[in-house]
PDB file of N, CA and C in Angstrom:
ATOM      1  N   MET A   1      67.192-133.601 -56.851  1.00  0.00           N
ATOM      2  CA  MET A   1      68.498-133.459 -57.473  1.00  0.00           C
ATOM      3  C   MET A   1      68.497-134.257 -58.785  1.00  0.00           C
ATOM      4  N   GLU A   2      69.095-133.689 -59.815  1.00  0.00           N
ATOM      5  CA  GLU A   2      69.171-134.328 -61.116  1.00  0.00           C
ATOM      6  C   GLU A   2      70.350-135.309 -61.122  1.00  0.00           C
ATOM      7  N   VAL A   3      70.078-136.585 -61.382  1.00  0.00           N
ATOM      8  CA  VAL A   3      71.113-137.613 -61.357  1.00  0.00           C
ATOM      9  C   VAL A   3      71.730-137.792 -62.744  1.00  0.00           C
ATOM     10  N   ALA A   4      70.897-137.944 -63.776  1.00  0.00           N
ATOM     11  CA  ALA A   4      71.366-138.153 -65.136  1.00  0.00           C
ATOM     12  C   ALA A   4      70.656-137.172 -66.060  1.00  0.00           C
ATOM     13  N   PRO A   5      71.256-135.970 -66.260  1.00  0.00           N
ATOM     14  CA  PRO A   5      70.579-134.972 -67.078  1.00  0.00           C
ATOM     15  C   PRO A   5      70.559-135.325 -68.570  1.00  0.00           C
ATOM     16  N   GLY A   6      71.447-136.183 -69.026  1.00  0.00           N
ATOM     17  CA  GLY A   6      71.529-136.520 -70.453  1.00  0.00           C
ATOM     18  C   GLY A   6      70.523-137.577 -70.871  1.00  0.00           C
ATOM     19  N   ALA A   7      69.900-138.264 -69.927  1.00  0.00           N
ATOM     20  CA  ALA A   7      68.971-139.340 -70.262  1.00  0.00           C
ATOM     21  C   ALA A   7      67.648-138.767 -70.759  1.00  0.00           C
ATOM     22  N   LYS A   8      66.892-139.577 -71.528  1.00  0.00           N
ATOM     23  CA  LYS A   8      65.570-139.176 -72.005  1.00  0.00           C
ATOM     24  C   LYS A   8      64.540-140.052 -71.328  1.00  0.00           C
ATOM     25  N   PRO A   9      63.697-139.616 -70.511  1.00  0.00           N
ATOM     26  CA  PRO A   9      63.598-138.329 -69.819  1.00  0.00           C
ATOM     27  C   PRO A   9      64.677-138.227 -68.732  1.00  0.00           C
ATOM     28  N   PRO A  10      65.048-137.000 -68.328  1.00  0.00           N
ATOM     29  CA  PRO A  10      66.071-136.818 -67.293  1.00  0.00           C
ATOM     30  C   PRO A  10      65.672-137.506 -65.983  1.00  0.00           C
ATOM     31  N   VAL A  11      66.698-138.127 -65.323  1.00  0.00           N
ATOM     32  CA  VAL A  11      66.439-138.865 -64.092  1.00  0.00           C
ATOM     33  C   VAL A  11      66.708-137.950 -62.906  1.00  0.00           C
ATOM     34  N   CYS A  12      65.730-137.869 -61.985  1.00  0.00           N
ATOM     35  CA  CYS A  12      65.864-137.052 -60.790  1.00  0.00           C
ATOM     36  C   CYS A  12      65.679-137.922 -59.555  1.00  0.00           C
ATOM     37  N   LYS A  13      66.187-137.412 -58.419  1.00  0.00           N
ATOM     38  CA  LYS A  13      66.149-138.173 -57.187  1.00  0.00           C
ATOM     39  C   LYS A  13      65.912-137.210 -56.034  1.00  0.00           C
ATOM     40  N   ILE A  14      65.115-137.582 -55.078  1.00  0.00           N
ATOM     41  CA  ILE A  14      64.881-136.740 -53.899  1.00  0.00           C
ATOM     42  C   ILE A  14      65.950-137.106 -52.874  1.00  0.00           C
ATOM     43  N   VAL A  15      66.729-136.094 -52.460  1.00  0.00           N
ATOM     44  CA  VAL A  15      67.879-136.319 -51.591  1.00  0.00           C
ATOM     45  C   VAL A  15      67.824-135.354 -50.412  1.00  0.00           C
ATOM     46  N   ASP A  16      68.283-135.840 -49.242  1.00  0.00           N
ATOM     47  CA  ASP A  16      68.443-134.968 -48.078  1.00  0.00           C
ATOM     48  C   ASP A  16      69.741-134.171 -48.285  1.00  0.00           C
ATOM     49  N   TYR A  17      69.634-132.842 -48.400  1.00  0.00           N
ATOM     50  CA  TYR A  17      70.788-131.993 -48.731  1.00  0.00           C
ATOM     51  C   TYR A  17      71.866-132.062 -47.645  1.00  0.00           C
ATOM     52  N   GLY A  18      71.466-132.095 -46.382  1.00  0.00           N
ATOM     53  CA  GLY A  18      72.434-132.179 -45.279  1.00  0.00           C
ATOM     54  C   GLY A  18      73.251-133.454 -45.349  1.00  0.00           C
ATOM     55  N   LYS A  19      72.579-134.571 -45.666  1.00  0.00           N
ATOM     56  CA  LYS A  19      73.264-135.855 -45.781  1.00  0.00           C
ATOM     57  C   LYS A  19      74.230-135.850 -46.960  1.00  0.00           C
ATOM     58  N   LEU A  20      73.832-135.232 -48.070  1.00  0.00           N
ATOM     59  CA  LEU A  20      74.680-135.122 -49.254  1.00  0.00           C
ATOM     60  C   LEU A  20      75.963-134.354 -48.940  1.00  0.00           C
ATOM     61  N   LYS A  21      75.830-133.223 -48.256  1.00  0.00           N
ATOM     62  CA  LYS A  21      77.004-132.412 -47.886  1.00  0.00           C
ATOM     63  C   LYS A  21      77.926-133.195 -46.938  1.00  0.00           C
ATOM     64  N   TYR A  22      77.320-133.942 -45.996  1.00  0.00           N
ATOM     65  CA  TYR A  22      78.089-134.743 -45.044  1.00  0.00           C
ATOM     66  C   TYR A  22      78.911-135.807 -45.766  1.00  0.00           C
ATOM     67  N   GLU A  23      78.306-136.502 -46.734  1.00  0.00           N
ATOM     68  CA  GLU A  23      79.016-137.540 -47.479  1.00  0.00           C
ATOM     69  C   GLU A  23      80.143-136.960 -48.321  1.00  0.00           C
ATOM     70  N   GLU A  24      79.933-135.796 -48.931  1.00  0.00           N
ATOM     71  CA  GLU A  24      80.997-135.139 -49.703  1.00  0.00           C
ATOM     72  C   GLU A  24      82.165-134.765 -48.802  1.00  0.00           C
ATOM     73  N   LYS A  25      81.849-134.278 -47.607  1.00  0.00           N
ATOM     74  CA  LYS A  25      82.888-133.884 -46.657  1.00  0.00           C
ATOM     75  C   LYS A  25      83.714-135.108 -46.243  1.00  0.00           C
ATOM     76  N   LYS A  26      83.046-136.233 -46.011  1.00  0.00           N
ATOM     77  CA  LYS A  26      83.738-137.466 -45.637  1.00  0.00           C
ATOM     78  C   LYS A  26      84.663-137.945 -46.762  1.00  0.00           C
ATOM     79  N   LYS A  27      84.207-137.858 -48.015  1.00  0.00           N
ATOM     80  CA  LYS A  27      85.033-138.261 -49.152  1.00  0.00           C
ATOM     81  C   LYS A  27      86.291-137.396 -49.240  1.00  0.00           C
ATOM     82  N   GLN A  28      86.137-136.092 -48.996  1.00  0.00           N
ATOM     83  CA  GLN A  28      87.289-135.187 -49.041  1.00  0.00           C
ATOM     84  C   GLN A  28      88.276-135.536 -47.938  1.00  0.00           C
ATOM     85  N   GLN A  29      87.783-135.857 -46.749  1.00  0.00           N
ATOM     86  CA  GLN A  29      88.669-136.207 -45.637  1.00  0.00           C
ATOM     87  C   GLN A  29      89.458-137.475 -45.948  1.00  0.00           C
ATOM     88  N   ILE A  30      88.805-138.461 -46.536  1.00  0.00           N
ATOM     89  CA  ILE A  30      89.476-139.720 -46.865  1.00  0.00           C
ATOM     90  C   ILE A  30      90.550-139.496 -47.932  1.00  0.00           C
ATOM     91  N   SER A  31      90.229-138.695 -48.957  1.00  0.00           N
ATOM     92  CA  SER A  31      91.223-138.436 -50.002  1.00  0.00           C
ATOM     93  C   SER A  31      92.388-137.623 -49.459  1.00  0.00           C
ATOM     94  N   LYS A  32      92.117-136.729 -48.507  1.00  0.00           N
ATOM     95  CA  LYS A  32      93.179-135.926 -47.902  1.00  0.00           C
ATOM     96  C   LYS A  32      94.091-136.810 -47.048  1.00  0.00           C
ATOM     97  N   LYS A  33      93.511-137.788 -46.390  1.00  0.00           N
ATOM     98  CA  LYS A  33      94.270-138.689 -45.538  1.00  0.00           C
ATOM     99  C   LYS A  33      95.225-139.560 -46.347  1.00  0.00           C
ATOM    100  N   LYS A  34      94.844-139.912 -47.574  1.00  0.00           N
ATOM    101  CA  LYS A  34      95.654-140.788 -48.416  1.00  0.00           C
ATOM    102  C   LYS A  34      96.832-140.072 -49.060  1.00  0.00           C
ATOM    103  N   GLN A  35      96.848-138.736 -49.034  1.00  0.00           N
ATOM    104  CA  GLN A  35      97.952-137.992 -49.637  1.00  0.00           C
ATOM    105  C   GLN A  35      99.208-138.163 -48.788  1.00  0.00           C
ATOM    106  N   HIS A  36     100.355-138.196 -49.457  1.00  0.00           N
ATOM    107  CA  HIS A  36     101.626-138.298 -48.751  1.00  0.00           C
ATOM    108  C   HIS A  36     102.431-137.029 -49.007  1.00  0.00           C
ATOM    109  N   VAL A  37     102.747-136.319 -47.941  1.00  0.00           N
ATOM    110  CA  VAL A  37     103.529-135.094 -48.049  1.00  0.00           C
ATOM    111  C   VAL A  37     104.996-135.446 -47.844  1.00  0.00           C
ATOM    112  N   VAL A  38     105.846-135.054 -48.782  1.00  0.00           N
ATOM    113  CA  VAL A  38     107.272-135.348 -48.690  1.00  0.00           C
ATOM    114  C   VAL A  38     107.918-134.329 -47.760  1.00  0.00           C
ATOM    115  N   LYS A  39     108.571-134.834 -46.734  1.00  0.00           N
ATOM    116  CA  LYS A  39     109.232-133.962 -45.764  1.00  0.00           C
ATOM    117  C   LYS A  39     110.710-133.869 -46.092  1.00  0.00           C
ATOM    118  N   LEU A  40     111.313-132.773 -45.681  1.00  0.00           N
ATOM    119  CA  LEU A  40     112.745-132.573 -45.867  1.00  0.00           C
ATOM    120  C   LEU A  40     113.408-132.628 -44.503  1.00  0.00           C
ATOM    121  N   LYS A  41     114.248-133.615 -44.293  1.00  0.00           N
ATOM    122  CA  LYS A  41     114.981-133.757 -43.042  1.00  0.00           C
ATOM    123  C   LYS A  41     116.411-133.299 -43.276  1.00  0.00           C
ATOM    124  N   GLU A  42     117.030-132.737 -42.244  1.00  0.00           N
ATOM    125  CA  GLU A  42     118.386-132.206 -42.401  1.00  0.00           C
ATOM    126  C   GLU A  42     119.331-132.850 -41.403  1.00  0.00           C
ATOM    127  N   ILE A  43     120.521-133.147 -41.867  1.00  0.00           N
ATOM    128  CA  ILE A  43     121.598-133.626 -41.003  1.00  0.00           C
ATOM    129  C   ILE A  43     122.758-132.649 -41.162  1.00  0.00           C
ATOM    130  N   ARG A  44     123.241-132.158 -40.039  1.00  0.00           N
ATOM    131  CA  ARG A  44     124.352-131.195 -40.080  1.00  0.00           C
ATOM    132  C   ARG A  44     125.652-131.875 -39.665  1.00  0.00           C
ATOM    133  N   LEU A  45     126.677-131.601 -40.430  1.00  0.00           N
ATOM    134  CA  LEU A  45     127.995-132.194 -40.191  1.00  0.00           C
ATOM    135  C   LEU A  45     129.043-131.110 -40.103  1.00  0.00           C
ATOM    136  N   ARG A  46     130.231-131.505 -39.633  1.00  0.00           N
ATOM    137  CA  ARG A  46     131.385-130.618 -39.608  1.00  0.00           C
ATOM    138  C   ARG A  46     132.512-131.319 -40.363  1.00  0.00           C
ATOM    139  N   PRO A  47     133.476-130.582 -40.888  1.00  0.00           N
ATOM    140  CA  PRO A  47     134.545-131.209 -41.683  1.00  0.00           C
ATOM    141  C   PRO A  47     135.423-132.175 -40.886  1.00  0.00           C
ATOM    142  N   ARG A  48     135.587-131.959 -39.604  1.00  0.00           N
ATOM    143  CA  ARG A  48     136.472-132.812 -38.810  1.00  0.00           C
ATOM    144  C   ARG A  48     135.689-133.819 -37.974  1.00  0.00           C
ATOM    145  N   ILE A  49     134.544-134.281 -38.487  1.00  0.00           N
ATOM    146  CA  ILE A  49     133.711-135.240 -37.759  1.00  0.00           C
ATOM    147  C   ILE A  49     134.412-136.592 -37.673  1.00  0.00           C
ATOM    148  N   ASP A  50     134.271-137.250 -36.535  1.00  0.00           N
ATOM    149  CA  ASP A  50     134.909-138.549 -36.325  1.00  0.00           C
ATOM    150  C   ASP A  50     134.140-139.640 -37.072  1.00  0.00           C
ATOM    151  N   THR A  51     134.790-140.739 -37.359  1.00  0.00           N
ATOM    152  CA  THR A  51     134.200-141.816 -38.155  1.00  0.00           C
ATOM    153  C   THR A  51     132.936-142.374 -37.513  1.00  0.00           C
ATOM    154  N   HIS A  52     132.992-142.671 -36.222  1.00  0.00           N
ATOM    155  CA  HIS A  52     131.837-143.257 -35.550  1.00  0.00           C
ATOM    156  C   HIS A  52     130.662-142.285 -35.522  1.00  0.00           C
ATOM    157  N   ASP A  53     130.941-141.006 -35.274  1.00  0.00           N
ATOM    158  CA  ASP A  53     129.875-140.000 -35.270  1.00  0.00           C
ATOM    159  C   ASP A  53     129.225-139.903 -36.653  1.00  0.00           C
ATOM    160  N   LEU A  54     130.048-139.962 -37.684  1.00  0.00           N
ATOM    161  CA  LEU A  54     129.530-139.904 -39.053  1.00  0.00           C
ATOM    162  C   LEU A  54     128.663-141.121 -39.349  1.00  0.00           C
ATOM    163  N   MET A  55     129.092-142.306 -38.920  1.00  0.00           N
ATOM    164  CA  MET A  55     128.313-143.520 -39.159  1.00  0.00           C
ATOM    165  C   MET A  55     126.973-143.461 -38.426  1.00  0.00           C
ATOM    166  N   THR A  56     126.972-142.894 -37.226  1.00  0.00           N
ATOM    167  CA  THR A  56     125.720-142.746 -36.467  1.00  0.00           C
ATOM    168  C   THR A  56     124.758-141.835 -37.208  1.00  0.00           C
ATOM    169  N   LYS A  57     125.263-140.729 -37.717  1.00  0.00           N
ATOM    170  CA  LYS A  57     124.411-139.796 -38.463  1.00  0.00           C
ATOM    171  C   LYS A  57     123.930-140.411 -39.775  1.00  0.00           C
ATOM    172  N   MET A  58     124.772-141.210 -40.415  1.00  0.00           N
ATOM    173  CA  MET A  58     124.374-141.850 -41.669  1.00  0.00           C
ATOM    174  C   MET A  58     123.294-142.909 -41.423  1.00  0.00           C
ATOM    175  N   LYS A  59     123.373-143.594 -40.280  1.00  0.00           N
ATOM    176  CA  LYS A  59     122.348-144.564 -39.928  1.00  0.00           C
ATOM    177  C   LYS A  59     120.993-143.856 -39.767  1.00  0.00           C
ATOM    178  N   ARG A  60     121.022-142.687 -39.153  1.00  0.00           N
ATOM    179  CA  ARG A  60     119.810-141.883 -38.975  1.00  0.00           C
ATOM    180  C   ARG A  60     119.298-141.387 -40.336  1.00  0.00           C
ATOM    181  N   GLY A  61     120.210-140.954 -41.189  1.00  0.00           N
ATOM    182  CA  GLY A  61     119.854-140.485 -42.526  1.00  0.00           C
ATOM    183  C   GLY A  61     119.243-141.594 -43.365  1.00  0.00           C
ATOM    184  N   ARG A  62     119.788-142.797 -43.240  1.00  0.00           N
ATOM    185  CA  ARG A  62     119.259-143.946 -43.966  1.00  0.00           C
ATOM    186  C   ARG A  62     117.808-144.212 -43.541  1.00  0.00           C
ATOM    187  N   LYS A  63     117.537-144.065 -42.252  1.00  0.00           N
ATOM    188  CA  LYS A  63     116.173-144.274 -41.749  1.00  0.00           C
ATOM    189  C   LYS A  63     115.224-143.222 -42.324  1.00  0.00           C
ATOM    190  N   PHE A  64     115.675-141.960 -42.386  1.00  0.00           N
ATOM    191  CA  PHE A  64     114.847-140.894 -42.968  1.00  0.00           C
ATOM    192  C   PHE A  64     114.496-141.227 -44.417  1.00  0.00           C
ATOM    193  N   LEU A  65     115.496-141.664 -45.179  1.00  0.00           N
ATOM    194  CA  LEU A  65     115.281-141.983 -46.590  1.00  0.00           C
ATOM    195  C   LEU A  65     114.337-143.164 -46.764  1.00  0.00           C
ATOM    196  N   GLU A  66     114.462-144.159 -45.905  1.00  0.00           N
ATOM    197  CA  GLU A  66     113.580-145.322 -45.992  1.00  0.00           C
ATOM    198  C   GLU A  66     112.137-144.966 -45.624  1.00  0.00           C
ATOM    199  N   ASP A  67     111.964-143.939 -44.798  1.00  0.00           N
ATOM    200  CA  ASP A  67     110.620-143.475 -44.428  1.00  0.00           C
ATOM    201  C   ASP A  67     109.984-142.639 -45.522  1.00  0.00           C
ATOM    202  N   GLY A  68     110.741-142.327 -46.587  1.00  0.00           N
ATOM    203  CA  GLY A  68     110.185-141.585 -47.712  1.00  0.00           C
ATOM    204  C   GLY A  68     110.451-140.091 -47.670  1.00  0.00           C
ATOM    205  N   CYS A  69     111.310-139.648 -46.780  1.00  0.00           N
ATOM    206  CA  CYS A  69     111.639-138.220 -46.686  1.00  0.00           C
ATOM    207  C   CYS A  69     112.828-137.898 -47.593  1.00  0.00           C
ATOM    208  N   LYS A  70     112.953-136.629 -47.934  1.00  0.00           N
ATOM    209  CA  LYS A  70     114.168-136.173 -48.606  1.00  0.00           C
ATOM    210  C   LYS A  70     115.171-135.847 -47.507  1.00  0.00           C
ATOM    211  N   LEU A  71     116.441-135.907 -47.832  1.00  0.00           N
ATOM    212  CA  LEU A  71     117.477-135.684 -46.841  1.00  0.00           C
ATOM    213  C   LEU A  71     118.424-134.588 -47.313  1.00  0.00           C
ATOM    214  N   LYS A  72     118.608-133.584 -46.468  1.00  0.00           N
ATOM    215  CA  LYS A  72     119.540-132.502 -46.783  1.00  0.00           C
ATOM    216  C   LYS A  72     120.752-132.667 -45.869  1.00  0.00           C
ATOM    217  N   ILE A  73     121.906-132.817 -46.483  1.00  0.00           N
ATOM    218  CA  ILE A  73     123.159-132.933 -45.736  1.00  0.00           C
ATOM    219  C   ILE A  73     123.840-131.572 -45.790  1.00  0.00           C
ATOM    220  N   THR A  74     124.066-130.973 -44.633  1.00  0.00           N
ATOM    221  CA  THR A  74     124.707-129.657 -44.561  1.00  0.00           C
ATOM    222  C   THR A  74     126.029-129.786 -43.829  1.00  0.00           C
ATOM    223  N   LEU A  75     127.079-129.284 -44.446  1.00  0.00           N
ATOM    224  CA  LEU A  75     128.405-129.297 -43.852  1.00  0.00           C
ATOM    225  C   LEU A  75     128.749-127.856 -43.491  1.00  0.00           C
ATOM    226  N   MET A  76     128.976-127.599 -42.208  1.00  0.00           N
ATOM    227  CA  MET A  76     129.234-126.230 -41.744  1.00  0.00           C
ATOM    228  C   MET A  76     130.721-126.055 -41.420  1.00  0.00           C
ATOM    229  N   PHE A  77     131.261-124.940 -41.870  1.00  0.00           N
ATOM    230  CA  PHE A  77     132.655-124.599 -41.593  1.00  0.00           C
ATOM    231  C   PHE A  77     132.691-123.493 -40.547  1.00  0.00           C
ATOM    232  N   ARG A  78     133.650-123.593 -39.627  1.00  0.00           N
ATOM    233  CA  ARG A  78     133.827-122.548 -38.624  1.00  0.00           C
ATOM    234  C   ARG A  78     135.265-122.055 -38.651  1.00  0.00           C
ATOM    235  N   GLY A  79     135.430-120.775 -38.493  1.00  0.00           N
ATOM    236  CA  GLY A  79     136.759-120.192 -38.366  1.00  0.00           C
ATOM    237  C   GLY A  79     137.700-120.559 -39.480  1.00  0.00           C
ATOM    238  N   ARG A  80     138.845-121.127 -39.096  1.00  0.00           N
ATOM    239  CA  ARG A  80     139.889-121.456 -40.073  1.00  0.00           C
ATOM    240  C   ARG A  80     139.581-122.714 -40.880  1.00  0.00           C
ATOM    241  N   GLU A  81     138.516-123.423 -40.530  1.00  0.00           N
ATOM    242  CA  GLU A  81     138.156-124.626 -41.302  1.00  0.00           C
ATOM    243  C   GLU A  81     137.830-124.268 -42.748  1.00  0.00           C
ATOM    244  N   LEU A  82     137.443-123.018 -42.974  1.00  0.00           N
ATOM    245  CA  LEU A  82     137.074-122.567 -44.308  1.00  0.00           C
ATOM    246  C   LEU A  82     138.255-122.640 -45.276  1.00  0.00           C
ATOM    247  N   SER A  83     139.480-122.604 -44.736  1.00  0.00           N
ATOM    248  CA  SER A  83     140.647-122.697 -45.609  1.00  0.00           C
ATOM    249  C   SER A  83     140.894-124.139 -46.065  1.00  0.00           C
ATOM    250  N   ARG A  84     140.234-125.122 -45.426  1.00  0.00           N
ATOM    251  CA  ARG A  84     140.400-126.534 -45.785  1.00  0.00           C
ATOM    252  C   ARG A  84     139.091-127.102 -46.349  1.00  0.00           C
ATOM    253  N   ILE A  85     138.668-126.550 -47.466  1.00  0.00           N
ATOM    254  CA  ILE A  85     137.430-126.992 -48.114  1.00  0.00           C
ATOM    255  C   ILE A  85     137.574-128.435 -48.602  1.00  0.00           C
ATOM    256  N   ASP A  86     138.803-128.853 -48.911  1.00  0.00           N
ATOM    257  CA  ASP A  86     139.035-130.210 -49.384  1.00  0.00           C
ATOM    258  C   ASP A  86     138.609-131.260 -48.351  1.00  0.00           C
ATOM    259  N   LEU A  87     138.766-130.955 -47.042  1.00  0.00           N
ATOM    260  CA  LEU A  87     138.307-131.881 -45.996  1.00  0.00           C
ATOM    261  C   LEU A  87     136.785-132.022 -46.039  1.00  0.00           C
ATOM    262  N   GLY A  88     136.116-130.910 -46.305  1.00  0.00           N
ATOM    263  CA  GLY A  88     134.656-130.936 -46.420  1.00  0.00           C
ATOM    264  C   GLY A  88     134.204-131.781 -47.595  1.00  0.00           C
ATOM    265  N   LYS A  89     134.913-131.649 -48.717  1.00  0.00           N
ATOM    266  CA  LYS A  89     134.581-132.453 -49.898  1.00  0.00           C
ATOM    267  C   LYS A  89     134.748-133.945 -49.611  1.00  0.00           C
ATOM    268  N   LEU A  90     135.806-134.285 -48.870  1.00  0.00           N
ATOM    269  CA  LEU A  90     136.037-135.692 -48.520  1.00  0.00           C
ATOM    270  C   LEU A  90     134.889-136.239 -47.667  1.00  0.00           C
ATOM    271  N   VAL A  91     134.424-135.446 -46.708  1.00  0.00           N
ATOM    272  CA  VAL A  91     133.316-135.877 -45.850  1.00  0.00           C
ATOM    273  C   VAL A  91     132.056-136.070 -46.688  1.00  0.00           C
ATOM    274  N   MET A  92     131.775-135.141 -47.594  1.00  0.00           N
ATOM    275  CA  MET A  92     130.584-135.257 -48.444  1.00  0.00           C
ATOM    276  C   MET A  92     130.677-136.491 -49.346  1.00  0.00           C
ATOM    277  N   ASP A  93     131.878-136.784 -49.857  1.00  0.00           N
ATOM    278  CA  ASP A  93     132.065-137.970 -50.688  1.00  0.00           C
ATOM    279  C   ASP A  93     131.824-139.250 -49.883  1.00  0.00           C
ATOM    280  N   ARG A  94     132.277-139.240 -48.618  1.00  0.00           N
ATOM    281  CA  ARG A  94     132.040-140.411 -47.759  1.00  0.00           C
ATOM    282  C   ARG A  94     130.559-140.608 -47.488  1.00  0.00           C
ATOM    283  N   VAL A  95     129.832-139.498 -47.324  1.00  0.00           N
ATOM    284  CA  VAL A  95     128.381-139.568 -47.099  1.00  0.00           C
ATOM    285  C   VAL A  95     127.713-140.182 -48.324  1.00  0.00           C
ATOM    286  N   LEU A  96     128.079-139.696 -49.507  1.00  0.00           N
ATOM    287  CA  LEU A  96     127.504-140.237 -50.747  1.00  0.00           C
ATOM    288  C   LEU A  96     127.822-141.715 -50.908  1.00  0.00           C
ATOM    289  N   GLU A  97     129.047-142.085 -50.606  1.00  0.00           N
ATOM    290  CA  GLU A  97     129.470-143.478 -50.725  1.00  0.00           C
ATOM    291  C   GLU A  97     128.676-144.364 -49.758  1.00  0.00           C
ATOM    292  N   GLU A  98     128.440-143.859 -48.555  1.00  0.00           N
ATOM    293  CA  GLU A  98     127.733-144.619 -47.522  1.00  0.00           C
ATOM    294  C   GLU A  98     126.251-144.825 -47.862  1.00  0.00           C
ATOM    295  N   LEU A  99     125.623-143.792 -48.453  1.00  0.00           N
ATOM    296  CA  LEU A  99     124.190-143.844 -48.748  1.00  0.00           C
ATOM    297  C   LEU A  99     123.890-144.153 -50.214  1.00  0.00           C
ATOM    298  N   ALA A 100     124.893-144.583 -50.976  1.00  0.00           N
ATOM    299  CA  ALA A 100     124.716-144.802 -52.418  1.00  0.00           C
ATOM    300  C   ALA A 100     123.673-145.863 -52.734  1.00  0.00           C
ATOM    301  N   ASP A 101     123.509-146.854 -51.866  1.00  0.00           N
ATOM    302  CA  ASP A 101     122.560-147.926 -52.158  1.00  0.00           C
ATOM    303  C   ASP A 101     121.100-147.515 -51.952  1.00  0.00           C
ATOM    304  N   VAL A 102     120.831-146.470 -51.147  1.00  0.00           N
ATOM    305  CA  VAL A 102     119.441-146.061 -50.893  1.00  0.00           C
ATOM    306  C   VAL A 102     119.112-144.661 -51.399  1.00  0.00           C
ATOM    307  N   ALA A 103     120.124-143.899 -51.835  1.00  0.00           N
ATOM    308  CA  ALA A 103     119.865-142.507 -52.199  1.00  0.00           C
ATOM    309  C   ALA A 103     120.583-142.098 -53.472  1.00  0.00           C
ATOM    310  N   GLU A 104     120.030-141.053 -54.095  1.00  0.00           N
ATOM    311  CA  GLU A 104     120.682-140.433 -55.251  1.00  0.00           C
ATOM    312  C   GLU A 104     120.620-138.917 -55.054  1.00  0.00           C
ATOM    313  N   VAL A 105     121.597-138.220 -55.594  1.00  0.00           N
ATOM    314  CA  VAL A 105     121.688-136.769 -55.410  1.00  0.00           C
ATOM    315  C   VAL A 105     120.630-136.075 -56.259  1.00  0.00           C
ATOM    316  N   GLU A 106     119.820-135.261 -55.598  1.00  0.00           N
ATOM    317  CA  GLU A 106     118.831-134.460 -56.333  1.00  0.00           C
ATOM    318  C   GLU A 106     119.429-133.100 -56.672  1.00  0.00           C
ATOM    319  N   LYS A 107     120.101-132.500 -55.700  1.00  0.00           N
ATOM    320  CA  LYS A 107     120.653-131.168 -55.907  1.00  0.00           C
ATOM    321  C   LYS A 107     121.958-131.064 -55.132  1.00  0.00           C
ATOM    322  N   ASP A 108     123.012-130.681 -55.819  1.00  0.00           N
ATOM    323  CA  ASP A 108     124.319-130.525 -55.192  1.00  0.00           C
ATOM    324  C   ASP A 108     124.629-129.038 -55.120  1.00  0.00           C
ATOM    325  N   ILE A 109     124.714-128.517 -53.896  1.00  0.00           N
ATOM    326  CA  ILE A 109     124.960-127.085 -53.719  1.00  0.00           C
ATOM    327  C   ILE A 109     126.398-126.903 -53.252  1.00  0.00           C
ATOM    328  N   PRO A 110     127.213-126.218 -54.044  1.00  0.00           N
ATOM    329  CA  PRO A 110     128.604-126.013 -53.637  1.00  0.00           C
ATOM    330  C   PRO A 110     128.693-125.048 -52.446  1.00  0.00           C
ATOM    331  N   LEU A 111     129.893-124.628 -52.126  1.00  0.00           N
ATOM    332  CA  LEU A 111     130.101-123.747 -50.973  1.00  0.00           C
ATOM    333  C   LEU A 111     129.266-122.485 -51.103  1.00  0.00           C
ATOM    334  N   GLU A 112     128.462-122.234 -50.089  1.00  0.00           N
ATOM    335  CA  GLU A 112     127.570-121.077 -50.061  1.00  0.00           C
ATOM    336  C   GLU A 112     127.816-120.388 -48.725  1.00  0.00           C
ATOM    337  N   GLY A 113     128.662-119.366 -48.718  1.00  0.00           N
ATOM    338  CA  GLY A 113     129.036-118.732 -47.453  1.00  0.00           C
ATOM    339  C   GLY A 113     129.931-119.679 -46.681  1.00  0.00           C
ATOM    340  N   ARG A 114     129.479-120.105 -45.522  1.00  0.00           N
ATOM    341  CA  ARG A 114     130.234-121.050 -44.695  1.00  0.00           C
ATOM    342  C   ARG A 114     129.605-122.434 -44.698  1.00  0.00           C
ATOM    343  N   ARG A 115     128.681-122.689 -45.623  1.00  0.00           N
ATOM    344  CA  ARG A 115     127.997-123.974 -45.675  1.00  0.00           C
ATOM    345  C   ARG A 115     128.118-124.624 -47.046  1.00  0.00           C
ATOM    346  N   MET A 116     128.160-125.930 -47.023  1.00  0.00           N
ATOM    347  CA  MET A 116     128.140-126.738 -48.235  1.00  0.00           C
ATOM    348  C   MET A 116     127.031-127.760 -48.012  1.00  0.00           C
ATOM    349  N   SER A 117     126.158-127.922 -48.991  1.00  0.00           N
ATOM    350  CA  SER A 117     125.056-128.857 -48.754  1.00  0.00           C
ATOM    351  C   SER A 117     124.652-129.588 -50.012  1.00  0.00           C
ATOM    352  N   MET A 118     123.882-130.678 -49.835  1.00  0.00           N
ATOM    353  CA  MET A 118     123.322-131.418 -50.943  1.00  0.00           C
ATOM    354  C   MET A 118     122.010-132.050 -50.480  1.00  0.00           C
ATOM    355  N   ILE A 119     121.105-132.245 -51.438  1.00  0.00           N
ATOM    356  CA  ILE A 119     119.811-132.841 -51.129  1.00  0.00           C
ATOM    357  C   ILE A 119     119.754-134.220 -51.781  1.00  0.00           C
ATOM    358  N   LEU A 120     119.354-135.206 -50.991  1.00  0.00           N
ATOM    359  CA  LEU A 120     119.296-136.588 -51.465  1.00  0.00           C
ATOM    360  C   LEU A 120     117.844-137.068 -51.526  1.00  0.00           C
ATOM    361  N   ASN A 121     117.540-137.866 -52.539  1.00  0.00           N
ATOM    362  CA  ASN A 121     116.234-138.502 -52.727  1.00  0.00           C
ATOM    363  C   ASN A 121     116.384-139.994 -52.518  1.00  0.00           C
ATOM    364  N   ALA A 122     115.350-140.638 -52.035  1.00  0.00           N
ATOM    365  CA  ALA A 122     115.374-142.092 -51.920  1.00  0.00           C
ATOM    366  C   ALA A 122     115.262-142.702 -53.314  1.00  0.00           C
ATOM    367  N   LYS A 123     115.926-143.821 -53.542  1.00  0.00           N
ATOM    368  CA  LYS A 123     115.858-144.496 -54.851  1.00  0.00           C
ATOM    369  C   LYS A 123     114.531-145.182 -55.009  1.00  0.00           C
TER     370      LYS A 123
END
């Protein structure tokens, strides 16, 4: 195998081809292991969620963000709740206020059918 083709005279080395392929494969595995894949976690809420239930979900969301995941908050409307979109906005504002110290809004999606959602990134 040619080690330094630009040198005068070119430098060559006798190498076991199987061992060379094995070492390349190991290097690829190590580099693949070091990669971090960003996951998207979702928390689903309803407009009439109780305070304690919301705090429990926010505690879980905070943990997701601290682990390096993105967080999608989805607010689902059912039946006549769709006529009270303002309640949904209040819940989303409370979520933002609660997670403001660890998260920032990446994408804010307004009402889409019966769902309202937003995606949060860790700071």
